[in-house]
Amino acid sequence: PVFIHNMKKYLDNNKLEKLAREAHTAKSSVLIFGMTNSGRLLKEIQLLAENKKSTEIQPMLEVVEMELKQAKSELRDFLKEG
């Protein structure tokens, strides 16, 4: 949730350098959990932000947010079962 909050804030405030760094950090974290699609999208977000192409970022960020929410829900369910 912190990654998503920060990336949205940076995008809203056109702080693309910070957005690129946050996406890079988030990418590493999601890849540890095997979330390859989110990792790929975060890499694209990072590259777009580094190249100052912010118009394409929002839809990708929404997909990443949805996938992270789903993973969080699955993790909670898994922990309840254990």
PDB file of N, CA and C in Angstrom:
ATOM      1  N   PRO A   1       0.809  -1.226   0.000  1.00  0.00           N
ATOM      2  CA  PRO A   1       0.000   0.000   0.000  1.00  0.00           C
ATOM      3  C   PRO A   1       0.844   1.278   0.000  1.00  0.00           C
ATOM      4  N   VAL A   2       1.971   1.241   0.665  1.00  0.00           N
ATOM      5  CA  VAL A   2       2.836   2.429   0.722  1.00  0.00           C
ATOM      6  C   VAL A   2       3.391   2.741  -0.660  1.00  0.00           C
ATOM      7  N   PHE A   3       3.821   1.706  -1.378  1.00  0.00           N
ATOM      8  CA  PHE A   3       4.352   1.927  -2.729  1.00  0.00           C
ATOM      9  C   PHE A   3       3.299   2.587  -3.615  1.00  0.00           C
ATOM     10  N   ILE A   4       2.086   2.051  -3.594  1.00  0.00           N
ATOM     11  CA  ILE A   4       1.014   2.582  -4.440  1.00  0.00           C
ATOM     12  C   ILE A   4       0.699   4.017  -4.056  1.00  0.00           C
ATOM     13  N   HIS A   5       0.554   4.271  -2.763  1.00  0.00           N
ATOM     14  CA  HIS A   5       0.273   5.629  -2.289  1.00  0.00           C
ATOM     15  C   HIS A   5       1.342   6.601  -2.781  1.00  0.00           C
ATOM     16  N   ASN A   6       2.600   6.236  -2.597  1.00  0.00           N
ATOM     17  CA  ASN A   6       3.692   7.122  -3.004  1.00  0.00           C
ATOM     18  C   ASN A   6       3.714   7.334  -4.511  1.00  0.00           C
ATOM     19  N   MET A   7       3.547   6.264  -5.273  1.00  0.00           N
ATOM     20  CA  MET A   7       3.592   6.416  -6.732  1.00  0.00           C
ATOM     21  C   MET A   7       2.450   7.296  -7.229  1.00  0.00           C
ATOM     22  N   LYS A   8       1.258   7.131  -6.673  1.00  0.00           N
ATOM     23  CA  LYS A   8       0.133   7.993  -7.066  1.00  0.00           C
ATOM     24  C   LYS A   8       0.422   9.450  -6.723  1.00  0.00           C
ATOM     25  N   LYS A   9       0.960   9.668  -5.537  1.00  0.00           N
ATOM     26  CA  LYS A   9       1.285  11.033  -5.102  1.00  0.00           C
ATOM     27  C   LYS A   9       2.330  11.653  -6.030  1.00  0.00           C
ATOM     28  N   TYR A  10       3.362  10.894  -6.352  1.00  0.00           N
ATOM     29  CA  TYR A  10       4.406  11.422  -7.232  1.00  0.00           C
ATOM     30  C   TYR A  10       3.863  11.688  -8.635  1.00  0.00           C
ATOM     31  N   LEU A  11       2.994  10.818  -9.119  1.00  0.00           N
ATOM     32  CA  LEU A  11       2.408  11.029 -10.439  1.00  0.00           C
ATOM     33  C   LEU A  11       1.515  12.269 -10.426  1.00  0.00           C
ATOM     34  N   ASP A  12       0.682  12.399  -9.406  1.00  0.00           N
ATOM     35  CA  ASP A  12      -0.205  13.563  -9.300  1.00  0.00           C
ATOM     36  C   ASP A  12       0.563  14.876  -9.227  1.00  0.00           C
ATOM     37  N   ASN A  13       1.738  14.828  -8.599  1.00  0.00           N
ATOM     38  CA  ASN A  13       2.542  16.036  -8.433  1.00  0.00           C
ATOM     39  C   ASN A  13       3.650  16.166  -9.473  1.00  0.00           C
ATOM     40  N   ASN A  14       3.611  15.291 -10.488  1.00  0.00           N
ATOM     41  CA  ASN A  14       4.575  15.308 -11.585  1.00  0.00           C
ATOM     42  C   ASN A  14       6.028  15.210 -11.091  1.00  0.00           C
ATOM     43  N   LYS A  15       6.228  14.433 -10.051  1.00  0.00           N
ATOM     44  CA  LYS A  15       7.585  14.187  -9.527  1.00  0.00           C
ATOM     45  C   LYS A  15       8.047  12.851 -10.097  1.00  0.00           C
ATOM     46  N   LEU A  16       8.385  12.890 -11.385  1.00  0.00           N
ATOM     47  CA  LEU A  16       8.638  11.659 -12.120  1.00  0.00           C
ATOM     48  C   LEU A  16       9.935  10.972 -11.709  1.00  0.00           C
ATOM     49  N   GLU A  17      10.928  11.717 -11.288  1.00  0.00           N
ATOM     50  CA  GLU A  17      12.172  11.093 -10.828  1.00  0.00           C
ATOM     51  C   GLU A  17      11.905  10.251  -9.573  1.00  0.00           C
ATOM     52  N   LYS A  18      11.126  10.811  -8.653  1.00  0.00           N
ATOM     53  CA  LYS A  18      10.769  10.065  -7.438  1.00  0.00           C
ATOM     54  C   LYS A  18       9.887   8.881  -7.783  1.00  0.00           C
ATOM     55  N   LEU A  19       8.984   9.063  -8.725  1.00  0.00           N
ATOM     56  CA  LEU A  19       8.118   7.972  -9.159  1.00  0.00           C
ATOM     57  C   LEU A  19       8.951   6.830  -9.736  1.00  0.00           C
ATOM     58  N   ALA A  20       9.933   7.158 -10.541  1.00  0.00           N
ATOM     59  CA  ALA A  20      10.799   6.127 -11.133  1.00  0.00           C
ATOM     60  C   ALA A  20      11.524   5.344 -10.050  1.00  0.00           C
ATOM     61  N   ARG A  21      12.042   6.033  -9.047  1.00  0.00           N
ATOM     62  CA  ARG A  21      12.747   5.348  -7.951  1.00  0.00           C
ATOM     63  C   ARG A  21      11.798   4.454  -7.154  1.00  0.00           C
ATOM     64  N   GLU A  22      10.594   4.950  -6.891  1.00  0.00           N
ATOM     65  CA  GLU A  22       9.612   4.170  -6.125  1.00  0.00           C
ATOM     66  C   GLU A  22       9.185   2.927  -6.915  1.00  0.00           C
ATOM     67  N   ALA A  23       8.984   3.080  -8.212  1.00  0.00           N
ATOM     68  CA  ALA A  23       8.611   1.939  -9.053  1.00  0.00           C
ATOM     69  C   ALA A  23       9.734   0.903  -9.078  1.00  0.00           C
ATOM     70  N   HIS A  24      10.968   1.362  -9.133  1.00  0.00           N
ATOM     71  CA  HIS A  24      12.124   0.457  -9.118  1.00  0.00           C
ATOM     72  C   HIS A  24      12.157  -0.360  -7.828  1.00  0.00           C
ATOM     73  N   THR A  25      11.958   0.304  -6.713  1.00  0.00           N
ATOM     74  CA  THR A  25      11.961  -0.376  -5.416  1.00  0.00           C
ATOM     75  C   THR A  25      10.792  -1.348  -5.307  1.00  0.00           C
ATOM     76  N   ALA A  26       9.619  -0.918  -5.732  1.00  0.00           N
ATOM     77  CA  ALA A  26       8.438  -1.776  -5.681  1.00  0.00           C
ATOM     78  C   ALA A  26       8.621  -2.994  -6.579  1.00  0.00           C
ATOM     79  N   LYS A  27       9.238  -2.794  -7.733  1.00  0.00           N
ATOM     80  CA  LYS A  27       9.471  -3.897  -8.675  1.00  0.00           C
ATOM     81  C   LYS A  27      10.273  -5.003  -8.008  1.00  0.00           C
ATOM     82  N   SER A  28      11.321  -4.638  -7.330  1.00  0.00           N
ATOM     83  CA  SER A  28      12.150  -5.632  -6.642  1.00  0.00           C
ATOM     84  C   SER A  28      11.331  -6.409  -5.620  1.00  0.00           C
ATOM     85  N   SER A  29      10.485  -5.709  -4.898  1.00  0.00           N
ATOM     86  CA  SER A  29       9.676  -6.358  -3.864  1.00  0.00           C
ATOM     87  C   SER A  29       8.669  -7.334  -4.452  1.00  0.00           C
ATOM     88  N   VAL A  30       7.971  -6.944  -5.511  1.00  0.00           N
ATOM     89  CA  VAL A  30       6.956  -7.840  -6.066  1.00  0.00           C
ATOM     90  C   VAL A  30       7.583  -9.047  -6.752  1.00  0.00           C
ATOM     91  N   LEU A  31       8.759  -8.875  -7.323  1.00  0.00           N
ATOM     92  CA  LEU A  31       9.408 -10.002  -7.989  1.00  0.00           C
ATOM     93  C   LEU A  31       9.849 -11.066  -6.988  1.00  0.00           C
ATOM     94  N   ILE A  32      10.169 -10.662  -5.766  1.00  0.00           N
ATOM     95  CA  ILE A  32      10.511 -11.629  -4.714  1.00  0.00           C
ATOM     96  C   ILE A  32       9.348 -12.584  -4.486  1.00  0.00           C
ATOM     97  N   PHE A  33       8.118 -12.093  -4.650  1.00  0.00           N
ATOM     98  CA  PHE A  33       6.924 -12.899  -4.440  1.00  0.00           C
ATOM     99  C   PHE A  33       6.431 -13.563  -5.730  1.00  0.00           C
ATOM    100  N   GLY A  34       7.215 -13.488  -6.792  1.00  0.00           N
ATOM    101  CA  GLY A  34       6.853 -14.147  -8.036  1.00  0.00           C
ATOM    102  C   GLY A  34       5.781 -13.446  -8.838  1.00  0.00           C
ATOM    103  N   MET A  35       5.545 -12.175  -8.554  1.00  0.00           N
ATOM    104  CA  MET A  35       4.515 -11.415  -9.262  1.00  0.00           C
ATOM    105  C   MET A  35       5.129 -10.796 -10.523  1.00  0.00           C
ATOM    106  N   THR A  36       5.315 -11.638 -11.542  1.00  0.00           N
ATOM    107  CA  THR A  36       6.054 -11.197 -12.725  1.00  0.00           C
ATOM    108  C   THR A  36       5.327 -10.126 -13.534  1.00  0.00           C
ATOM    109  N   ASN A  37       4.002 -10.213 -13.638  1.00  0.00           N
ATOM    110  CA  ASN A  37       3.279  -9.193 -14.396  1.00  0.00           C
ATOM    111  C   ASN A  37       3.394  -7.825 -13.717  1.00  0.00           C
ATOM    112  N   SER A  38       3.215  -7.800 -12.410  1.00  0.00           N
ATOM    113  CA  SER A  38       3.371  -6.535 -11.680  1.00  0.00           C
ATOM    114  C   SER A  38       4.801  -6.019 -11.815  1.00  0.00           C
ATOM    115  N   GLY A  39       5.764  -6.928 -11.753  1.00  0.00           N
ATOM    116  CA  GLY A  39       7.162  -6.528 -11.919  1.00  0.00           C
ATOM    117  C   GLY A  39       7.418  -5.919 -13.281  1.00  0.00           C
ATOM    118  N   ARG A  40       6.840  -6.526 -14.314  1.00  0.00           N
ATOM    119  CA  ARG A  40       7.000  -6.001 -15.677  1.00  0.00           C
ATOM    120  C   ARG A  40       6.367  -4.623 -15.808  1.00  0.00           C
ATOM    121  N   LEU A  41       5.161  -4.477 -15.255  1.00  0.00           N
ATOM    122  CA  LEU A  41       4.486  -3.176 -15.315  1.00  0.00           C
ATOM    123  C   LEU A  41       5.250  -2.107 -14.547  1.00  0.00           C
ATOM    124  N   LEU A  42       5.770  -2.462 -13.393  1.00  0.00           N
ATOM    125  CA  LEU A  42       6.544  -1.494 -12.607  1.00  0.00           C
ATOM    126  C   LEU A  42       7.817  -1.085 -13.335  1.00  0.00           C
ATOM    127  N   LYS A  43       8.444  -2.014 -14.049  1.00  0.00           N
ATOM    128  CA  LYS A  43       9.623  -1.674 -14.854  1.00  0.00           C
ATOM    129  C   LYS A  43       9.229  -0.693 -15.951  1.00  0.00           C
ATOM    130  N   GLU A  44       8.073  -0.929 -16.587  1.00  0.00           N
ATOM    131  CA  GLU A  44       7.599   0.001 -17.620  1.00  0.00           C
ATOM    132  C   GLU A  44       7.290   1.375 -17.025  1.00  0.00           C
ATOM    133  N   ILE A  45       6.660   1.388 -15.861  1.00  0.00           N
ATOM    134  CA  ILE A  45       6.368   2.653 -15.177  1.00  0.00           C
ATOM    135  C   ILE A  45       7.670   3.384 -14.881  1.00  0.00           C
ATOM    136  N   GLN A  46       8.651   2.648 -14.387  1.00  0.00           N
ATOM    137  CA  GLN A  46       9.951   3.247 -14.091  1.00  0.00           C
ATOM    138  C   GLN A  46      10.553   3.889 -15.344  1.00  0.00           C
ATOM    139  N   LEU A  47      10.573   3.150 -16.443  1.00  0.00           N
ATOM    140  CA  LEU A  47      11.167   3.663 -17.675  1.00  0.00           C
ATOM    141  C   LEU A  47      10.391   4.854 -18.232  1.00  0.00           C
ATOM    142  N   LEU A  48       9.067   4.778 -18.182  1.00  0.00           N
ATOM    143  CA  LEU A  48       8.253   5.903 -18.658  1.00  0.00           C
ATOM    144  C   LEU A  48       8.512   7.150 -17.817  1.00  0.00           C
ATOM    145  N   ALA A  49       8.579   6.976 -16.509  1.00  0.00           N
ATOM    146  CA  ALA A  49       8.829   8.116 -15.625  1.00  0.00           C
ATOM    147  C   ALA A  49      10.216   8.702 -15.888  1.00  0.00           C
ATOM    148  N   GLU A  50      11.200   7.839 -16.080  1.00  0.00           N
ATOM    149  CA  GLU A  50      12.559   8.322 -16.365  1.00  0.00           C
ATOM    150  C   GLU A  50      12.611   9.099 -17.673  1.00  0.00           C
ATOM    151  N   ASN A  51      11.744   8.723 -18.621  1.00  0.00           N
ATOM    152  CA  ASN A  51      11.706   9.392 -19.924  1.00  0.00           C
ATOM    153  C   ASN A  51      10.627  10.466 -20.015  1.00  0.00           C
ATOM    154  N   LYS A  52      10.069  10.840 -18.853  1.00  0.00           N
ATOM    155  CA  LYS A  52       9.083  11.933 -18.762  1.00  0.00           C
ATOM    156  C   LYS A  52       7.844  11.709 -19.618  1.00  0.00           C
ATOM    157  N   LYS A  53       7.381  10.446 -19.686  1.00  0.00           N
ATOM    158  CA  LYS A  53       6.178  10.096 -20.454  1.00  0.00           C
ATOM    159  C   LYS A  53       5.100   9.659 -19.476  1.00  0.00           C
ATOM    160  N   SER A  54       4.547  10.601 -18.777  1.00  0.00           N
ATOM    161  CA  SER A  54       3.641  10.288 -17.669  1.00  0.00           C
ATOM    162  C   SER A  54       2.222   9.902 -18.100  1.00  0.00           C
ATOM    163  N   THR A  55       1.830  10.210 -19.317  1.00  0.00           N
ATOM    164  CA  THR A  55       0.443   9.976 -19.714  1.00  0.00           C
ATOM    165  C   THR A  55       0.070   8.495 -19.748  1.00  0.00           C
ATOM    166  N   GLU A  56       1.037   7.620 -19.936  1.00  0.00           N
ATOM    167  CA  GLU A  56       0.760   6.188 -20.050  1.00  0.00           C
ATOM    168  C   GLU A  56       0.834   5.466 -18.699  1.00  0.00           C
ATOM    169  N   ILE A  57       1.241   6.155 -17.654  1.00  0.00           N
ATOM    170  CA  ILE A  57       1.523   5.502 -16.386  1.00  0.00           C
ATOM    171  C   ILE A  57       0.263   5.127 -15.610  1.00  0.00           C
ATOM    172  N   GLN A  58      -0.728   5.994 -15.570  1.00  0.00           N
ATOM    173  CA  GLN A  58      -1.913   5.788 -14.727  1.00  0.00           C
ATOM    174  C   GLN A  58      -2.590   4.437 -14.936  1.00  0.00           C
ATOM    175  N   PRO A  59      -2.879   4.023 -16.178  1.00  0.00           N
ATOM    176  CA  PRO A  59      -3.545   2.724 -16.353  1.00  0.00           C
ATOM    177  C   PRO A  59      -2.699   1.555 -15.843  1.00  0.00           C
ATOM    178  N   MET A  60      -1.399   1.634 -16.032  1.00  0.00           N
ATOM    179  CA  MET A  60      -0.520   0.568 -15.555  1.00  0.00           C
ATOM    180  C   MET A  60      -0.492   0.532 -14.030  1.00  0.00           C
ATOM    181  N   LEU A  61      -0.477   1.698 -13.443  1.00  0.00           N
ATOM    182  CA  LEU A  61      -0.469   1.794 -11.982  1.00  0.00           C
ATOM    183  C   LEU A  61      -1.758   1.202 -11.399  1.00  0.00           C
ATOM    184  N   GLU A  62      -2.870   1.399 -12.082  1.00  0.00           N
ATOM    185  CA  GLU A  62      -4.144   0.831 -11.628  1.00  0.00           C
ATOM    186  C   GLU A  62      -4.113  -0.699 -11.662  1.00  0.00           C
ATOM    187  N   VAL A  63      -3.499  -1.275 -12.684  1.00  0.00           N
ATOM    188  CA  VAL A  63      -3.387  -2.733 -12.778  1.00  0.00           C
ATOM    189  C   VAL A  63      -2.501  -3.263 -11.652  1.00  0.00           C
ATOM    190  N   VAL A  64      -1.375  -2.603 -11.422  1.00  0.00           N
ATOM    191  CA  VAL A  64      -0.476  -3.020 -10.346  1.00  0.00           C
ATOM    192  C   VAL A  64      -1.207  -2.950  -9.003  1.00  0.00           C
ATOM    193  N   GLU A  65      -1.948  -1.883  -8.782  1.00  0.00           N
ATOM    194  CA  GLU A  65      -2.685  -1.741  -7.530  1.00  0.00           C
ATOM    195  C   GLU A  65      -3.691  -2.882  -7.363  1.00  0.00           C
ATOM    196  N   MET A  66      -4.401  -3.219  -8.414  1.00  0.00           N
ATOM    197  CA  MET A  66      -5.370  -4.304  -8.355  1.00  0.00           C
ATOM    198  C   MET A  66      -4.674  -5.635  -8.042  1.00  0.00           C
ATOM    199  N   GLU A  67      -3.550  -5.891  -8.695  1.00  0.00           N
ATOM    200  CA  GLU A  67      -2.829  -7.141  -8.469  1.00  0.00           C
ATOM    201  C   GLU A  67      -2.269  -7.213  -7.050  1.00  0.00           C
ATOM    202  N   LEU A  68      -1.795  -6.095  -6.525  1.00  0.00           N
ATOM    203  CA  LEU A  68      -1.281  -6.095  -5.152  1.00  0.00           C
ATOM    204  C   LEU A  68      -2.402  -6.302  -4.136  1.00  0.00           C
ATOM    205  N   LYS A  69      -3.558  -5.722  -4.384  1.00  0.00           N
ATOM    206  CA  LYS A  69      -4.704  -5.943  -3.494  1.00  0.00           C
ATOM    207  C   LYS A  69      -5.115  -7.407  -3.505  1.00  0.00           C
ATOM    208  N   GLN A  70      -5.109  -8.011  -4.685  1.00  0.00           N
ATOM    209  CA  GLN A  70      -5.460  -9.420  -4.801  1.00  0.00           C
ATOM    210  C   GLN A  70      -4.443 -10.292  -4.053  1.00  0.00           C
ATOM    211  N   ALA A  71      -3.173  -9.984  -4.204  1.00  0.00           N
ATOM    212  CA  ALA A  71      -2.129 -10.752  -3.516  1.00  0.00           C
ATOM    213  C   ALA A  71      -2.250 -10.602  -2.004  1.00  0.00           C
ATOM    214  N   LYS A  72      -2.561  -9.411  -1.553  1.00  0.00           N
ATOM    215  CA  LYS A  72      -2.739  -9.173  -0.121  1.00  0.00           C
ATOM    216  C   LYS A  72      -3.898 -10.001   0.419  1.00  0.00           C
ATOM    217  N   SER A  73      -4.986 -10.051  -0.328  1.00  0.00           N
ATOM    218  CA  SER A  73      -6.145 -10.834   0.068  1.00  0.00           C
ATOM    219  C   SER A  73      -5.807 -12.323   0.118  1.00  0.00           C
ATOM    220  N   GLU A  74      -5.094 -12.807  -0.890  1.00  0.00           N
ATOM    221  CA  GLU A  74      -4.702 -14.212  -0.924  1.00  0.00           C
ATOM    222  C   GLU A  74      -3.771 -14.549   0.238  1.00  0.00           C
ATOM    223  N   LEU A  75      -2.865 -13.651   0.557  1.00  0.00           N
ATOM    224  CA  LEU A  75      -1.948 -13.878   1.676  1.00  0.00           C
ATOM    225  C   LEU A  75      -2.704 -13.927   2.997  1.00  0.00           C
ATOM    226  N   ARG A  76      -3.662 -13.026   3.171  1.00  0.00           N
ATOM    227  CA  ARG A  76      -4.477 -13.047   4.388  1.00  0.00           C
ATOM    228  C   ARG A  76      -5.229 -14.368   4.522  1.00  0.00           C
ATOM    229  N   ASP A  77      -5.826 -14.832   3.419  1.00  0.00           N
ATOM    230  CA  ASP A  77      -6.550 -16.103   3.437  1.00  0.00           C
ATOM    231  C   ASP A  77      -5.615 -17.265   3.781  1.00  0.00           C
ATOM    232  N   PHE A  78      -4.441 -17.249   3.205  1.00  0.00           N
ATOM    233  CA  PHE A  78      -3.458 -18.292   3.459  1.00  0.00           C
ATOM    234  C   PHE A  78      -3.060 -18.317   4.932  1.00  0.00           C
ATOM    235  N   LEU A  79      -2.828 -17.140   5.506  1.00  0.00           N
ATOM    236  CA  LEU A  79      -2.416 -17.057   6.905  1.00  0.00           C
ATOM    237  C   LEU A  79      -3.539 -17.496   7.849  1.00  0.00           C
ATOM    238  N   LYS A  80      -4.793 -17.235   7.479  1.00  0.00           N
ATOM    239  CA  LYS A  80      -5.927 -17.670   8.293  1.00  0.00           C
ATOM    240  C   LYS A  80      -6.047 -19.186   8.311  1.00  0.00           C
ATOM    241  N   GLU A  81      -5.740 -19.811   7.189  1.00  0.00           N
ATOM    242  CA  GLU A  81      -5.831 -21.272   7.076  1.00  0.00           C
ATOM    243  C   GLU A  81      -4.732 -21.966   7.862  1.00  0.00           C
ATOM    244  N   GLY A  82      -3.574 -21.292   7.990  1.00  0.00           N
ATOM    245  CA  GLY A  82      -2.409 -21.894   8.637  1.00  0.00           C
ATOM    246  C   GLY A  82      -2.540 -21.875  10.099  1.00  0.00           C
TER     247      GLY A  82
END
